Protein backbone atom coordinates (compact mmCIF):
# COMPACT_ATOMS: atom_id res chain seq x y z
CA MET A 1 0.00 0.00 -0.03
CA LYS A 2 2.79 2.37 0.88
CA SER A 3 4.49 1.80 -2.47
CA ILE A 4 1.27 2.60 -4.29
CA ILE A 5 0.75 5.83 -2.33
CA LEU A 6 4.29 6.97 -2.97
CA LYS A 7 4.07 6.15 -6.69
CA GLU A 8 0.72 7.84 -7.20
CA ALA A 9 1.89 10.84 -5.14
CA LYS A 10 5.03 11.36 -7.24
CA ILE A 11 3.01 11.07 -10.56
CA LYS A 12 0.28 13.47 -9.40
CA MET A 13 2.47 16.06 -7.67
CA ARG A 14 4.72 16.36 -10.74
CA SER A 15 1.89 17.30 -12.92
CA TRP A 16 0.79 20.91 -13.40
CA LYS A 17 -2.83 19.73 -13.13
CA SER A 18 -2.34 19.16 -9.37
CA VAL A 19 -0.77 22.61 -9.01
CA GLY A 20 -3.59 24.17 -10.94
CA MET A 21 -6.24 22.29 -8.94
CA ILE A 22 -4.70 23.58 -5.57
CA VAL A 23 -4.45 27.07 -6.92
CA SER A 24 -7.94 27.14 -8.24
CA TYR A 25 -9.26 25.59 -4.98
CA VAL A 26 -7.67 28.17 -2.76
CA ALA A 27 -8.45 31.01 -5.17
CA LEU A 28 -12.17 30.11 -5.18
CA LEU A 29 -12.30 29.92 -1.41
CA ALA A 30 -10.50 33.30 -1.18
CA PHE A 31 -12.89 34.84 -3.75
CA GLY A 32 -15.85 33.71 -1.62
CA VAL A 33 -14.29 35.27 1.46
CA ILE A 34 -13.59 38.58 -0.33
CA VAL A 35 -17.13 38.81 -1.66
CA MET A 36 -18.61 38.11 1.79
CA LEU A 37 -16.14 40.35 3.55
CA SER A 38 -16.88 43.28 1.17
CA SER A 39 -20.53 43.04 2.07
CA THR A 40 -19.63 42.89 5.77
CA LEU A 41 -17.56 46.06 5.58
CA TYR A 42 -20.60 48.00 4.56
CA SER A 43 -22.19 47.00 7.77
CA VAL A 44 -19.22 48.07 9.91
CA TYR A 45 -21.53 49.98 12.20
CA ASN A 46 -23.58 46.87 12.79
CA ASN A 47 -23.23 45.56 16.29
CA ASN A 48 -23.64 41.90 15.33
CA LEU A 49 -20.40 41.57 13.39
CA SER A 50 -19.80 38.08 14.79
CA GLU A 51 -22.91 36.93 12.90
CA ASN A 52 -21.53 38.30 9.66
CA TYR A 53 -18.28 36.37 10.11
CA ARG A 54 -20.28 33.28 10.83
CA ASN A 55 -22.00 33.75 7.45
CA ILE A 56 -18.51 33.98 5.87
CA TYR A 57 -17.55 30.75 7.57
CA MET A 58 -20.65 29.04 6.34
CA THR A 59 -19.97 30.23 2.77
CA ILE A 60 -16.42 28.86 2.86
CA THR A 61 -17.55 25.44 4.18
CA ILE A 62 -20.40 25.25 1.57
CA ILE A 63 -17.90 25.99 -1.28
CA GLN A 64 -15.42 23.52 0.31
CA VAL A 65 -17.86 20.63 0.59
CA LEU A 66 -19.13 21.22 -2.99
CA MET A 67 -15.66 21.18 -4.37
CA ILE A 68 -14.74 17.99 -2.35
CA SER A 69 -17.90 16.30 -3.67
CA PHE A 70 -16.79 16.91 -7.25
CA ILE A 71 -13.00 16.35 -6.85
CA VAL A 72 -13.01 13.08 -4.86
CA PRO A 73 -15.31 11.04 -7.11
CA ILE A 74 -13.52 12.15 -10.25
CA ILE A 75 -10.16 11.14 -8.90
CA ALA A 76 -11.36 8.03 -7.24
CA SER A 77 -13.52 6.74 -10.09
CA GLY A 78 -10.58 6.38 -12.32
CA SER A 79 -8.20 4.68 -9.84
CA ILE A 80 -8.68 1.12 -11.07
CA SER A 81 -10.30 1.54 -14.40
CA GLN A 82 -7.44 3.74 -15.61
CA GLU A 83 -5.05 0.90 -14.79
CA ARG A 84 -7.17 -1.38 -17.02
CA GLU A 85 -7.19 1.20 -19.83
CA LYS A 86 -3.48 1.57 -19.63
CA GLN A 87 -3.17 -2.28 -19.47
CA THR A 88 -1.08 -2.02 -16.28
CA LEU A 89 -3.62 -3.65 -13.88
CA ASP A 90 -2.33 -7.24 -14.62
CA ILE A 91 1.11 -6.13 -13.77
CA LEU A 92 -0.03 -4.50 -10.45
CA LEU A 93 -2.03 -7.72 -9.65
CA SER A 94 1.07 -9.90 -10.30
CA THR A 95 2.96 -8.32 -7.45
CA ASN A 96 2.88 -9.63 -3.94
CA MET A 97 0.44 -6.99 -2.74
CA ARG A 98 -2.99 -8.06 -1.59
CA PRO A 99 -5.99 -6.68 -3.45
CA ILE A 100 -7.11 -4.87 -0.25
CA SER A 101 -3.67 -3.14 -0.12
CA ILE A 102 -4.10 -2.02 -3.76
CA ILE A 103 -7.64 -0.70 -3.06
CA MET A 104 -6.48 1.11 0.22
CA GLY A 105 -3.49 2.55 -1.58
CA LYS A 106 -5.60 3.98 -4.32
CA LEU A 107 -8.12 5.33 -1.75
CA MET A 108 -5.47 6.86 0.48
CA THR A 109 -3.91 8.57 -2.55
CA THR A 110 -7.34 10.14 -3.24
CA VAL A 111 -7.97 11.20 0.36
CA SER A 112 -4.34 12.53 0.66
CA VAL A 113 -5.10 15.00 -2.19
CA VAL A 114 -8.25 16.19 -0.27
CA ILE A 115 -6.26 16.48 2.99
CA LEU A 116 -3.71 18.59 1.07
CA LEU A 117 -6.51 20.83 -0.16
CA ILE A 118 -7.91 21.22 3.36
CA VAL A 119 -4.48 22.12 4.76
CA THR A 120 -3.95 24.72 2.10
CA SER A 121 -7.31 26.27 2.98
CA LEU A 122 -6.67 26.48 6.80
CA PRO A 123 -5.16 29.94 6.47
CA ILE A 124 -8.41 31.19 5.19
CA PHE A 125 -10.27 29.57 8.02
CA SER A 126 -7.78 31.01 10.49
CA PHE A 127 -8.51 34.44 9.04
CA ILE A 128 -12.17 34.09 9.92
CA PHE A 129 -11.25 32.63 13.32
CA LEU A 130 -9.36 35.84 14.21
CA PHE A 131 -12.55 37.92 13.92
CA GLY A 132 -14.49 35.75 16.34
CA GLY A 133 -17.83 34.06 15.89
CA LEU A 134 -16.43 30.51 16.04
CA ASN A 135 -13.86 28.55 17.89
CA ILE A 136 -11.16 26.02 17.05
CA THR A 137 -13.47 23.12 17.92
CA SER A 138 -15.83 24.14 15.17
CA ILE A 139 -13.06 24.13 12.58
CA LEU A 140 -11.68 20.78 13.67
CA SER A 141 -15.12 19.17 13.71
CA MET A 142 -15.77 20.37 10.13
CA VAL A 143 -12.37 19.18 8.96
CA ALA A 144 -13.05 15.81 10.51
CA PHE A 145 -16.34 15.67 8.61
CA PHE A 146 -14.60 16.60 5.36
CA ILE A 147 -12.14 13.76 5.82
CA ILE A 148 -14.82 11.17 6.70
CA ILE A 149 -17.03 12.14 3.76
CA SER A 150 -13.93 12.04 1.50
CA PHE A 151 -13.34 8.51 2.56
CA PHE A 152 -16.89 7.64 1.81
CA PHE A 153 -17.03 9.30 -1.62
CA GLY A 154 -13.62 7.91 -2.43
CA SER A 155 -14.63 4.38 -1.48
CA LEU A 156 -17.78 4.63 -3.59
CA GLY A 157 -15.69 5.86 -6.60
CA VAL A 158 -13.04 3.10 -6.16
CA PHE A 159 -15.79 0.48 -5.89
CA PHE A 160 -17.35 1.48 -9.24
CA SER A 161 -13.98 1.83 -10.75
CA THR A 162 -13.25 -1.74 -9.80
CA LEU A 163 -16.62 -2.95 -10.94
CA PHE A 164 -16.61 -1.34 -14.41
CA LYS A 165 -13.94 -1.18 -17.08
CA LYS A 166 -14.57 2.36 -18.31
CA THR A 167 -13.68 5.37 -16.22
CA LEU A 168 -16.58 7.41 -17.55
CA THR A 169 -19.05 4.76 -16.45
CA SER A 170 -17.75 4.65 -12.98
CA ILE A 171 -17.78 8.46 -12.71
CA VAL A 172 -21.38 8.64 -13.89
CA LEU A 173 -22.56 5.90 -11.54
CA THR A 174 -20.70 7.41 -8.59
CA PHE A 175 -22.38 10.80 -9.15
CA LEU A 176 -25.81 9.12 -9.66
CA VAL A 177 -25.46 7.33 -6.29
CA MET A 178 -24.34 10.58 -4.66
CA MET A 179 -27.33 12.43 -6.11
CA PHE A 180 -29.63 9.71 -4.78
CA LEU A 181 -28.14 9.97 -1.31
CA THR A 182 -28.44 13.77 -1.35
CA ILE A 183 -31.61 14.41 -3.17
CA GLY A 184 -33.42 11.04 -3.47
CA THR A 185 -33.41 10.45 0.27
CA ILE A 186 -35.29 13.74 0.80
CA LEU A 187 -37.74 13.10 -2.00
CA ILE A 188 -38.79 9.65 -0.85
CA PRO A 189 -40.51 10.83 2.39
CA VAL A 190 -41.97 13.79 0.57
CA ILE A 191 -43.57 11.50 -2.10
CA TYR A 192 -44.67 9.02 0.58
CA THR A 193 -46.42 11.67 2.61
CA TYR A 194 -47.91 13.28 -0.43
CA MET A 195 -49.41 9.95 -1.64
CA THR A 196 -50.50 8.65 1.84
CA ARG A 197 -51.17 11.86 3.70
CA ASP A 198 -49.58 10.18 6.69
CA TYR A 199 -47.39 12.71 8.46
CA SER A 200 -47.25 10.97 11.88
CA TYR A 201 -44.16 8.76 11.32
CA PHE A 202 -41.86 11.52 9.98
CA GLU A 203 -43.04 14.00 12.66
CA ASN A 204 -42.08 11.59 15.44
CA ASN A 205 -39.05 9.62 13.99
CA THR A 206 -35.97 10.32 11.96
CA PHE A 207 -36.31 8.80 8.40
CA PHE A 208 -33.52 6.16 8.36
CA LEU A 209 -32.19 7.20 4.93
CA TYR A 210 -31.48 10.77 6.38
CA TYR A 211 -28.58 9.20 8.25
CA ILE A 212 -26.69 8.58 5.03
CA ASN A 213 -27.64 11.79 3.39
CA PRO A 214 -24.37 13.81 3.16
CA GLY A 215 -26.26 17.15 2.65
CA ILE A 216 -28.28 16.72 5.83
CA THR A 217 -25.29 15.57 7.75
CA PHE A 218 -23.25 18.62 6.59
CA TRP A 219 -25.98 21.04 7.57
CA ALA A 220 -26.40 19.29 10.89
CA VAL A 221 -22.63 19.64 11.60
CA LEU A 222 -22.71 23.26 10.53
CA LEU A 223 -25.85 24.29 12.50
CA GLN A 224 -24.94 22.34 15.63
CA GLN A 225 -21.91 24.67 15.83
CA PHE A 226 -24.29 27.60 16.03
CA GLY A 227 -26.97 26.38 18.51
CA GLY A 228 -28.58 23.12 17.40
CA ILE A 229 -30.42 21.54 14.45
CA ASP A 230 -33.75 23.20 15.05
CA ARG A 231 -33.22 25.45 11.99
CA LEU A 232 -32.53 22.42 9.83
CA THR A 233 -35.69 20.75 11.03
CA GLY A 234 -37.51 23.79 9.83
CA TYR A 235 -35.91 23.58 6.43
CA LEU A 236 -37.27 20.02 6.13
CA ASN A 237 -40.86 21.08 6.87
CA GLY A 238 -40.89 19.96 10.49
CA VAL A 239 -39.42 16.49 9.94
CA THR A 240 -37.91 15.22 13.15
CA LEU A 241 -34.09 14.78 13.31
CA ASN A 242 -32.18 12.93 15.88
CA ASP A 243 -29.95 15.19 18.00
CA ASN A 244 -27.05 12.71 17.42
CA ILE A 245 -27.52 12.51 13.65
CA THR A 246 -23.96 13.70 12.99
CA ILE A 247 -22.35 10.95 15.14
CA ILE A 248 -24.66 8.33 13.74
CA SER A 249 -24.12 9.44 10.16
CA CYS A 250 -20.30 9.60 10.36
CA CYS A 251 -20.22 6.15 11.96
CA LEU A 252 -22.39 4.82 9.05
CA TYR A 253 -20.18 6.51 6.51
CA VAL A 254 -17.11 4.72 8.09
CA LEU A 255 -18.87 1.34 8.10
CA LEU A 256 -20.03 1.79 4.48
CA SER A 257 -16.53 2.79 3.45
CA VAL A 258 -15.06 -0.34 5.01
CA GLY A 259 -17.78 -2.53 3.32
CA LEU A 260 -17.14 -0.93 -0.08
CA ASN A 261 -13.41 -1.35 0.22
CA PHE A 262 -13.73 -5.04 1.06
CA ALA A 263 -16.15 -5.53 -1.76
CA SER A 264 -13.81 -3.74 -4.17
CA ALA A 265 -10.86 -6.01 -3.04
CA TYR A 266 -13.07 -9.10 -3.53
CA ILE A 267 -14.03 -7.99 -7.12
CA LEU A 268 -10.34 -7.11 -7.86
CA ASN A 269 -9.04 -10.40 -6.53
CA PRO A 270 -8.06 -12.54 -9.60
CA ILE A 271 -8.05 -15.74 -7.59
CA LYS A 272 -11.51 -16.83 -6.55
CA LYS A 273 -13.28 -20.09 -5.76
CA LYS A 274 -14.49 -21.68 -8.93
CA LYS A 275 -16.20 -24.97 -9.15
CA GLY A 276 -14.48 -26.61 -6.15
CA ILE A 277 -11.06 -25.02 -6.77
CA GLU A 278 -9.82 -23.72 -3.47
CA GLU A 279 -8.83 -20.15 -3.30
CA VAL A 280 -5.08 -19.55 -3.08
CA SER A 281 -3.95 -17.84 0.12
CA TYR A 282 -1.74 -14.70 0.00
CA ASP A 283 -0.03 -15.64 3.22
């Protein structure tokens, strides 16, 4: 796994695409801060300046989570399929590395790019931190959420990259699943209540698919930093949300990531049980 991470890091970091991605990422975040800060300066006589800087913080995190949601699947969805397209996958499988080590190496390479982007954006977060309105715990909890969701999106992309031969197919399916998790899980209870006129369940219980909705989890993490998830409940037309939804959701993302990685390793494994032939051990 270490050899794959080092090899991929050398290849990616030597490319101007990586430099351009980092510069574009930081530039977009800085642009969002400048736009929000310029509007804040007009309200310099406003006594509630901390609320304005909180809005800047929310804008930065929204931009950041959207960019991560686009960058991670694109990188991860081509991790294995590109090896097939370059006809180097058989060479990689002929080494003494286990399939799970290959999968984890590819995934860690993807997540390391995200971590690098997060680290480069920390000066912008620290700029907002200096003006008050949030504490270091808020920033660390949001960074932890970014890393967890990057693992989940990356695991999803690697799984489809292992399952399908074409990179474009894996990218499309990864984004379709992400769209279902983000939008479809909200539409399902809406459609259900519209058809049955039964509002009792969703008013008293948290819909189970909400726990794997990255959009709801993100807003829950964000709003809990500023006084609870009551505002998010209002956005969802009074649907009940568990107060521990962020913890439950993050645990589910970790479990789903582990399951997807083992499934990817099983699919990638060239030696499987076939018609009574015993699987060869890697030990």
